[in-house]
Amino acid sequence: MSQTKEEVNVKKLESEVKKLRLEAQLRKNLASEMQKQKEIAIEAQEVANAKTKELDKLLKKQALEAQLRKNLASEMQKQKEIAVEAQELALEKKNEIEAISNQLSKYLSPQLYQSIFSGEQQVDIESKRKKLTVFFSDIVGFTNISDSLESEEITSMLNYYLTEMSKLALEFGGTIDKYIGDAILIFFGDPETDGVKEDAIKCVNMAIAMQSRMKELENEWAEKFGLREPLQIRVGISTGYCTVGNFGSEDRLDYTVIGAQVNLASRLESIANPGSILLSFDTYSQISKEINCVELEKVRVKGISQEVRTFEVIMDDKKAKNIVDIKTNNLNLSADLERLQIDEINKLADFLEEARKKLDAKTTK
């Protein structure tokens, strides 16, 4: 059945309307989708912007941290260089101080040097009373020896002698007070002490060692310095209370010992025989059980009102055999047969004869 033209047109119109509706719906859907995409794009842009900001912050933070690390590394390098420089300077100053202290140590006894630098002893003007053993020695006939030598030879000889004696003083623990030309003053008992008895024994043993060393060097004196006669020393030793400490001014101090015992040691040295060691009674009483001695006659010394008992150290067996001792309740006699003179024997004989006459006269009555 054929359709009419109108019907065909209507159908075309309906088809066009449907098509328009479909297109409209598609455009609507497309617009809606585009709106969603736009919203998504905006949201994505916002997220991207936020992420970008975060990334910028992170990058700035990392850049700042990198700069800080760089600055820190640079500062640490500077501090390291400063520390190394300071360490080198400190080491240099330390070496300078050690060099100076080593030089200063030559002007001080080792005991005093150690006590000062360890802080045990303050460098103040002060002194104390202590019982010490004092040693005094000098070279026999040094004035005549020095007159026969040139100044360089005297200096060399004296320094050699003092070095040898000082080694022994330090070995036995003595405190070297001072050198007075060829004389040496040493004391035992300060700043360190082993007790009065032990100090005295050490001092006398040191003196014996010094005399032995002088004999060992007899040939060297002639060879090194052209001396006609070997050097000999006299030694005087006394024990008793002395004043020891720092004496002087605020600007210049001297650590030394003063008192009657120092004077006595000096006097004993001056009357001692060459190559001998002369002791006071107080020293002898400390060492008598350890070291052989012989009593000599009493002497008068300048500065001491009473006569002083003196004792000579016996340093070898041969000499000991030449010593004759006679001791009774009322008699104490000691004689060195090697040194005994005929006039001394005559005096002894006269004394015994006089004593016998007085005893006979007393018995007769």
Protein backbone atom coordinates (compact mmCIF):
# COMPACT_ATOMS: atom_id res chain seq x y z
CA MET A 1 0.00 0.00 0.00
CA SER A 2 1.61 3.14 -1.10
CA GLN A 3 2.11 5.99 1.32
CA THR A 4 1.07 9.41 0.57
CA LYS A 5 3.47 12.19 0.17
CA GLU A 6 2.29 13.74 3.35
CA GLU A 7 2.89 10.59 5.27
CA VAL A 8 6.39 10.37 3.85
CA ASN A 9 7.05 13.93 4.88
CA VAL A 10 5.69 13.28 8.34
CA LYS A 11 7.97 10.29 8.74
CA LYS A 12 10.92 12.30 7.55
CA LEU A 13 9.96 15.01 9.93
CA GLU A 14 9.70 12.56 12.81
CA SER A 15 13.04 11.09 11.78
CA GLU A 16 14.56 14.56 11.73
CA VAL A 17 13.04 15.34 15.12
CA LYS A 18 14.42 12.12 16.58
CA LYS A 19 17.75 12.97 15.05
CA LEU A 20 17.59 16.45 16.51
CA ARG A 21 16.60 15.07 19.89
CA LEU A 22 19.45 12.59 19.73
CA GLU A 23 21.89 15.29 18.74
CA ALA A 24 20.52 17.52 21.48
CA GLN A 25 20.93 14.69 23.99
CA LEU A 26 24.41 14.01 22.70
CA ARG A 27 25.29 17.70 22.94
CA LYS A 28 23.86 17.75 26.47
CA ASN A 29 25.78 14.63 27.39
CA LEU A 30 28.85 16.05 25.72
CA ALA A 31 28.42 19.36 27.55
CA SER A 32 27.96 17.48 30.80
CA GLU A 33 31.02 15.35 30.10
CA MET A 34 33.02 18.39 29.12
CA GLN A 35 31.91 20.09 32.33
CA LYS A 36 33.07 17.04 34.29
CA GLN A 37 36.35 16.97 32.39
CA LYS A 38 36.71 20.68 32.99
CA GLU A 39 36.07 20.19 36.68
CA ILE A 40 38.51 17.25 36.68
CA ALA A 41 41.03 19.37 34.79
CA ILE A 42 40.55 22.24 37.24
CA GLU A 43 40.89 19.86 40.17
CA ALA A 44 43.92 18.28 38.52
CA GLN A 45 45.36 21.75 37.95
CA GLU A 46 44.77 22.62 41.57
CA VAL A 47 46.39 19.37 42.66
CA ALA A 48 49.20 20.00 40.23
CA ASN A 49 49.62 23.52 41.57
CA ALA A 50 49.60 22.21 45.14
CA LYS A 51 52.13 19.52 44.19
CA THR A 52 54.18 22.13 42.39
CA LYS A 53 54.15 24.33 45.47
CA GLU A 54 55.10 21.35 47.64
CA LEU A 55 57.81 20.43 45.18
CA ASP A 56 59.05 24.03 45.16
CA LYS A 57 59.10 24.00 48.94
CA LEU A 58 60.91 20.65 48.94
CA LEU A 59 63.39 21.89 46.37
CA LYS A 60 63.94 25.09 48.33
CA LYS A 61 64.32 23.03 51.52
CA GLN A 62 66.78 20.69 49.82
CA ALA A 63 68.62 23.64 48.34
CA LEU A 64 68.72 25.26 51.79
CA GLU A 65 69.88 22.01 53.39
CA ALA A 66 72.50 21.61 50.67
CA GLN A 67 73.67 25.17 51.30
CA LEU A 68 73.67 24.55 55.04
CA ARG A 69 75.65 21.35 54.54
CA LYS A 70 78.03 23.22 52.31
CA ASN A 71 78.33 26.03 54.85
CA LEU A 72 78.70 23.48 57.65
CA ALA A 73 81.36 21.58 55.73
CA SER A 74 83.15 24.85 55.05
CA GLU A 75 82.86 25.88 58.71
CA MET A 76 84.03 22.47 59.87
CA GLN A 77 87.00 22.73 57.53
CA LYS A 78 87.79 26.16 58.94
CA GLN A 79 87.43 24.86 62.50
CA LYS A 80 89.62 21.88 61.61
CA GLU A 81 92.24 24.18 60.18
CA ILE A 82 91.98 26.39 63.28
CA ALA A 83 92.24 23.30 65.52
CA VAL A 84 95.27 22.01 63.59
CA GLU A 85 96.87 25.44 63.76
CA ALA A 86 96.07 25.69 67.47
CA GLN A 87 97.48 22.20 68.05
CA GLU A 88 100.64 23.07 66.17
CA LEU A 89 100.91 26.31 68.14
CA ALA A 90 100.28 24.46 71.41
CA LEU A 91 102.91 21.87 70.49
CA GLU A 92 105.34 24.64 69.58
CA LYS A 93 104.64 26.41 72.90
CA LYS A 94 104.95 23.11 74.74
CA ASN A 95 108.32 22.46 73.13
CA GLU A 96 109.40 26.00 74.00
CA ILE A 97 108.27 25.55 77.61
CA GLU A 98 109.99 22.15 77.83
CA ALA A 99 113.17 23.64 76.39
CA ILE A 100 113.03 26.50 78.90
CA SER A 101 112.16 24.17 81.80
CA ASN A 102 115.02 21.86 80.81
CA GLN A 103 117.36 24.82 80.91
CA LEU A 104 115.92 25.95 84.25
CA SER A 105 116.30 22.43 85.64
CA LYS A 106 120.07 22.82 85.36
CA TYR A 107 119.87 25.63 87.92
CA LEU A 108 117.81 23.56 90.39
CA SER A 109 118.33 20.26 92.12
CA PRO A 110 116.16 17.49 90.58
CA GLN A 111 114.18 17.08 93.80
CA LEU A 112 113.38 20.78 93.99
CA TYR A 113 112.61 20.95 90.26
CA GLN A 114 110.16 18.04 90.51
CA SER A 115 108.46 19.37 93.65
CA ILE A 116 107.95 22.81 92.07
CA PHE A 117 106.67 21.59 88.69
CA SER A 118 104.41 18.96 90.29
CA GLY A 119 102.88 21.63 92.52
CA GLU A 120 104.05 20.02 95.77
CA GLN A 121 106.11 23.06 96.71
CA GLN A 122 105.18 26.70 96.27
CA VAL A 123 107.80 29.23 95.25
CA ASP A 124 107.31 31.53 98.23
CA ILE A 125 109.63 33.13 100.75
CA GLU A 126 109.40 30.56 103.52
CA SER A 127 111.61 28.21 105.50
CA LYS A 128 111.38 25.42 108.05
CA ARG A 129 113.49 23.70 110.67
CA LYS A 130 114.51 20.16 109.84
CA LYS A 131 117.18 17.72 110.93
CA LEU A 132 119.48 17.37 107.95
CA THR A 133 122.84 15.87 107.11
CA VAL A 134 125.06 18.45 105.44
CA PHE A 135 127.98 17.64 103.11
CA PHE A 136 130.75 20.08 102.23
CA SER A 137 133.76 19.39 100.01
CA ASP A 138 136.47 21.19 98.08
CA ILE A 139 139.56 20.42 96.03
CA VAL A 140 142.87 20.39 97.88
CA GLY A 141 145.17 23.18 96.68
CA PHE A 142 142.78 24.41 94.01
CA THR A 143 144.24 27.92 94.06
CA ASN A 144 147.71 26.62 93.17
CA ILE A 145 146.25 24.35 90.50
CA SER A 146 144.26 27.18 88.92
CA ASP A 147 147.38 29.38 88.82
CA SER A 148 149.17 26.78 86.69
CA LEU A 149 146.37 26.38 84.12
CA GLU A 150 144.78 28.55 81.47
CA SER A 151 141.20 29.75 82.09
CA GLU A 152 139.82 27.35 79.45
CA GLU A 153 141.60 24.42 81.11
CA ILE A 154 140.37 25.45 84.56
CA THR A 155 136.78 25.71 83.28
CA SER A 156 136.98 22.32 81.53
CA MET A 157 138.60 20.60 84.53
CA LEU A 158 136.21 22.11 87.07
CA ASN A 159 133.11 21.26 85.01
CA TYR A 160 134.39 17.71 84.53
CA TYR A 161 135.00 17.33 88.27
CA LEU A 162 131.65 18.83 89.26
CA THR A 163 129.82 16.65 86.72
CA GLU A 164 131.37 13.46 88.13
CA MET A 165 130.56 14.45 91.71
CA SER A 166 127.03 15.60 90.84
CA LYS A 167 126.24 12.25 89.21
CA LEU A 168 127.02 10.52 92.50
CA ALA A 169 125.06 13.10 94.50
CA LEU A 170 121.96 12.44 92.39
CA GLU A 171 122.53 8.69 92.51
CA PHE A 172 122.41 8.74 96.32
CA GLY A 173 119.49 11.21 96.45
CA GLY A 174 121.31 14.27 97.74
CA THR A 175 119.99 17.79 97.19
CA ILE A 176 122.72 19.84 95.54
CA ASP A 177 122.52 23.24 97.21
CA LYS A 178 125.22 25.11 95.31
CA TYR A 179 128.67 25.12 93.78
CA ILE A 180 131.04 27.68 95.30
CA GLY A 181 133.95 27.62 92.90
CA ASP A 182 135.47 24.17 93.51
CA ALA A 183 133.41 23.62 96.68
CA ILE A 184 130.16 21.66 96.74
CA LEU A 185 127.36 21.99 99.31
CA ILE A 186 124.88 19.09 99.40
CA PHE A 187 122.31 18.14 102.01
CA PHE A 188 120.07 15.16 102.73
CA GLY A 189 116.62 15.33 104.32
CA ASP A 190 114.74 17.89 102.22
CA PRO A 191 112.61 18.12 100.14
CA GLU A 192 112.65 14.30 100.37
CA THR A 193 113.76 12.26 103.36
CA ASP A 194 114.13 8.61 104.31
CA GLY A 195 114.58 9.44 107.98
CA VAL A 196 117.52 11.05 109.77
CA LYS A 197 119.52 7.80 110.11
CA GLU A 198 119.07 6.72 106.51
CA ASP A 199 119.79 10.24 105.24
CA ALA A 200 123.08 10.29 107.16
CA ILE A 201 124.07 6.83 105.88
CA LYS A 202 123.34 7.85 102.30
CA CYS A 203 125.36 11.02 102.69
CA VAL A 204 128.43 9.24 104.05
CA ASN A 205 128.18 6.48 101.44
CA MET A 206 128.00 9.18 98.79
CA ALA A 207 131.15 10.77 100.17
CA ILE A 208 132.92 7.38 100.12
CA ALA A 209 131.83 6.88 96.51
CA MET A 210 133.15 10.35 95.63
CA GLN A 211 136.55 9.63 97.17
CA SER A 212 136.68 6.30 95.34
CA ARG A 213 135.78 8.00 92.08
CA MET A 214 138.55 10.56 92.61
CA LYS A 215 141.07 7.69 92.88
CA GLU A 216 139.68 6.10 89.72
CA LEU A 217 140.21 9.37 87.87
CA GLU A 218 143.81 9.90 89.01
CA ASN A 219 145.30 9.05 85.60
CA GLU A 220 142.66 11.02 83.72
CA TRP A 221 143.49 14.26 85.52
CA ALA A 222 147.03 14.20 84.14
CA GLU A 223 145.99 13.04 80.68
CA LYS A 224 143.10 15.47 80.20
CA PHE A 225 144.42 18.55 81.96
CA GLY A 226 148.16 18.09 82.32
CA LEU A 227 148.10 18.09 86.13
CA ARG A 228 151.33 17.14 87.83
CA GLU A 229 149.52 15.74 90.85
CA PRO A 230 146.12 13.99 90.89
CA LEU A 231 143.24 15.95 92.35
CA GLN A 232 142.23 15.24 95.92
CA ILE A 233 139.22 16.42 97.87
CA ARG A 234 138.47 16.98 101.55
CA VAL A 235 135.00 16.25 102.91
CA GLY A 236 133.24 17.44 106.04
CA ILE A 237 129.82 16.12 107.12
CA SER A 238 127.58 17.14 110.02
CA THR A 239 124.06 16.27 111.13
CA GLY A 240 121.62 18.46 113.05
CA TYR A 241 118.78 20.93 112.86
CA CYS A 242 119.03 23.48 110.06
CA THR A 243 116.80 26.10 108.52
CA VAL A 244 115.96 25.11 104.96
CA GLY A 245 113.74 26.81 102.40
CA ASN A 246 113.49 29.74 100.04
CA PHE A 247 115.50 32.82 100.94
CA GLY A 248 115.73 36.10 99.06
CA SER A 249 113.32 38.67 97.69
CA GLU A 250 110.04 38.56 95.81
CA ASP A 251 112.02 38.81 92.56
CA ARG A 252 114.90 36.43 93.27
CA LEU A 253 114.84 33.37 95.52
CA ASP A 254 117.48 30.86 96.51
CA TYR A 255 116.54 27.44 97.89
CA THR A 256 119.25 26.75 100.42
CA VAL A 257 120.12 25.63 103.92
CA ILE A 258 121.59 27.75 106.72
CA GLY A 259 122.57 27.19 110.31
CA ALA A 260 125.32 25.97 112.61
CA GLN A 261 125.49 22.54 110.98
CA VAL A 262 126.36 24.09 107.61
CA ASN A 263 129.16 26.04 109.27
CA LEU A 264 130.33 22.93 111.11
CA ALA A 265 130.45 20.86 107.90
CA SER A 266 132.50 23.62 106.29
CA ARG A 267 134.90 23.79 109.26
CA LEU A 268 135.31 20.01 109.35
CA GLU A 269 136.10 20.01 105.64
CA SER A 270 138.76 22.68 106.11
CA ILE A 271 140.64 20.61 108.73
CA ALA A 272 140.15 17.21 107.10
CA ASN A 273 143.16 15.47 105.60
CA PRO A 274 143.35 15.27 101.77
CA GLY A 275 141.36 12.31 100.49
CA SER A 276 139.53 11.85 103.82
CA ILE A 277 135.99 12.25 105.18
CA LEU A 278 135.59 13.93 108.55
CA LEU A 279 132.32 13.57 110.50
CA SER A 280 130.76 15.32 113.45
CA PHE A 281 129.66 13.25 116.44
CA ASP A 282 125.97 13.57 115.52
CA THR A 283 126.64 12.12 112.09
CA TYR A 284 128.83 9.38 113.54
CA SER A 285 126.07 8.39 116.01
CA GLN A 286 123.71 7.81 113.08
CA ILE A 287 126.08 5.73 110.92
CA SER A 288 128.43 4.04 113.44
CA LYS A 289 126.76 0.62 113.12
CA GLU A 290 126.92 0.70 109.33
CA ILE A 291 130.24 2.36 108.49
CA ASN A 292 133.66 1.97 110.11
CA CYS A 293 135.13 5.13 111.58
CA VAL A 294 137.94 6.13 113.89
CA GLU A 295 137.71 8.96 116.40
CA LEU A 296 140.32 11.69 116.10
CA GLU A 297 141.21 14.37 118.62
CA LYS A 298 138.69 17.02 119.60
CA VAL A 299 139.04 20.30 117.75
CA ARG A 300 137.96 23.86 118.21
CA VAL A 301 136.20 25.40 115.27
CA LYS A 302 135.23 28.99 114.64
CA GLY A 303 131.67 29.80 115.67
CA ILE A 304 131.33 26.90 118.15
CA SER A 305 132.26 27.48 121.80
CA GLN A 306 132.81 23.85 122.82
CA GLU A 307 135.37 21.42 121.45
CA VAL A 308 134.00 19.22 118.70
CA ARG A 309 134.49 15.46 118.58
CA THR A 310 135.58 14.36 115.11
CA PHE A 311 135.48 10.99 113.38
CA GLU A 312 137.21 9.92 110.20
CA VAL A 313 135.66 7.34 107.88
CA ILE A 314 137.77 4.24 107.22
CA MET A 315 137.41 3.61 103.51
CA ASP A 316 139.48 0.43 102.96
CA ASP A 317 140.62 -2.69 104.81
CA LYS A 318 144.29 -1.76 104.62
CA LYS A 319 143.64 1.43 106.49
CA ALA A 320 141.47 -0.41 109.01
CA LYS A 321 144.39 -2.67 109.85
CA ASN A 322 146.53 0.38 110.68
CA ILE A 323 143.96 1.67 113.21
CA VAL A 324 144.61 0.81 116.85
CA ASP A 325 141.79 1.34 119.37
CA ILE A 326 142.06 1.18 123.15
CA LYS A 327 138.80 1.54 125.06
CA THR A 328 138.26 1.10 128.79
CA ASN A 329 135.89 2.61 131.34
CA ASN A 330 138.18 5.62 131.76
CA LEU A 331 140.21 5.62 128.57
CA ASN A 332 139.36 5.97 124.88
CA LEU A 333 142.36 6.00 122.52
CA SER A 334 142.43 5.60 118.74
CA ALA A 335 145.59 5.84 116.61
CA ASP A 336 146.26 5.70 112.88
CA LEU A 337 149.64 3.94 112.69
CA GLU A 338 150.10 4.95 109.06
CA ARG A 339 149.94 8.64 109.93
CA LEU A 340 151.29 8.53 113.47
CA GLN A 341 154.34 10.77 113.93
CA ILE A 342 157.26 10.13 116.30
CA ASP A 343 156.54 13.33 118.25
CA GLU A 344 152.98 12.13 118.83
CA ILE A 345 154.32 8.84 120.21
CA ASN A 346 156.67 10.79 122.49
CA LYS A 347 153.75 12.90 123.72
CA LEU A 348 151.78 9.72 124.42
CA ALA A 349 154.75 8.23 126.30
CA ASP A 350 155.08 11.41 128.38
CA PHE A 351 151.36 11.35 129.13
CA LEU A 352 151.50 7.71 130.27
CA GLU A 353 154.56 8.37 132.43
CA GLU A 354 152.89 11.36 134.06
CA ALA A 355 149.73 9.35 134.66
CA ARG A 356 151.74 6.50 136.19
CA LYS A 357 153.53 8.89 138.58
CA LYS A 358 150.25 10.39 139.75
CA LEU A 359 148.73 6.95 140.29
CA ASP A 360 151.84 5.78 142.25
CA ALA A 361 151.72 8.89 144.40
CA LYS A 362 148.04 8.36 145.07
CA THR A 363 148.68 4.70 146.03
CA THR A 364 151.54 5.64 148.39
CA LYS A 365 149.30 8.01 150.33
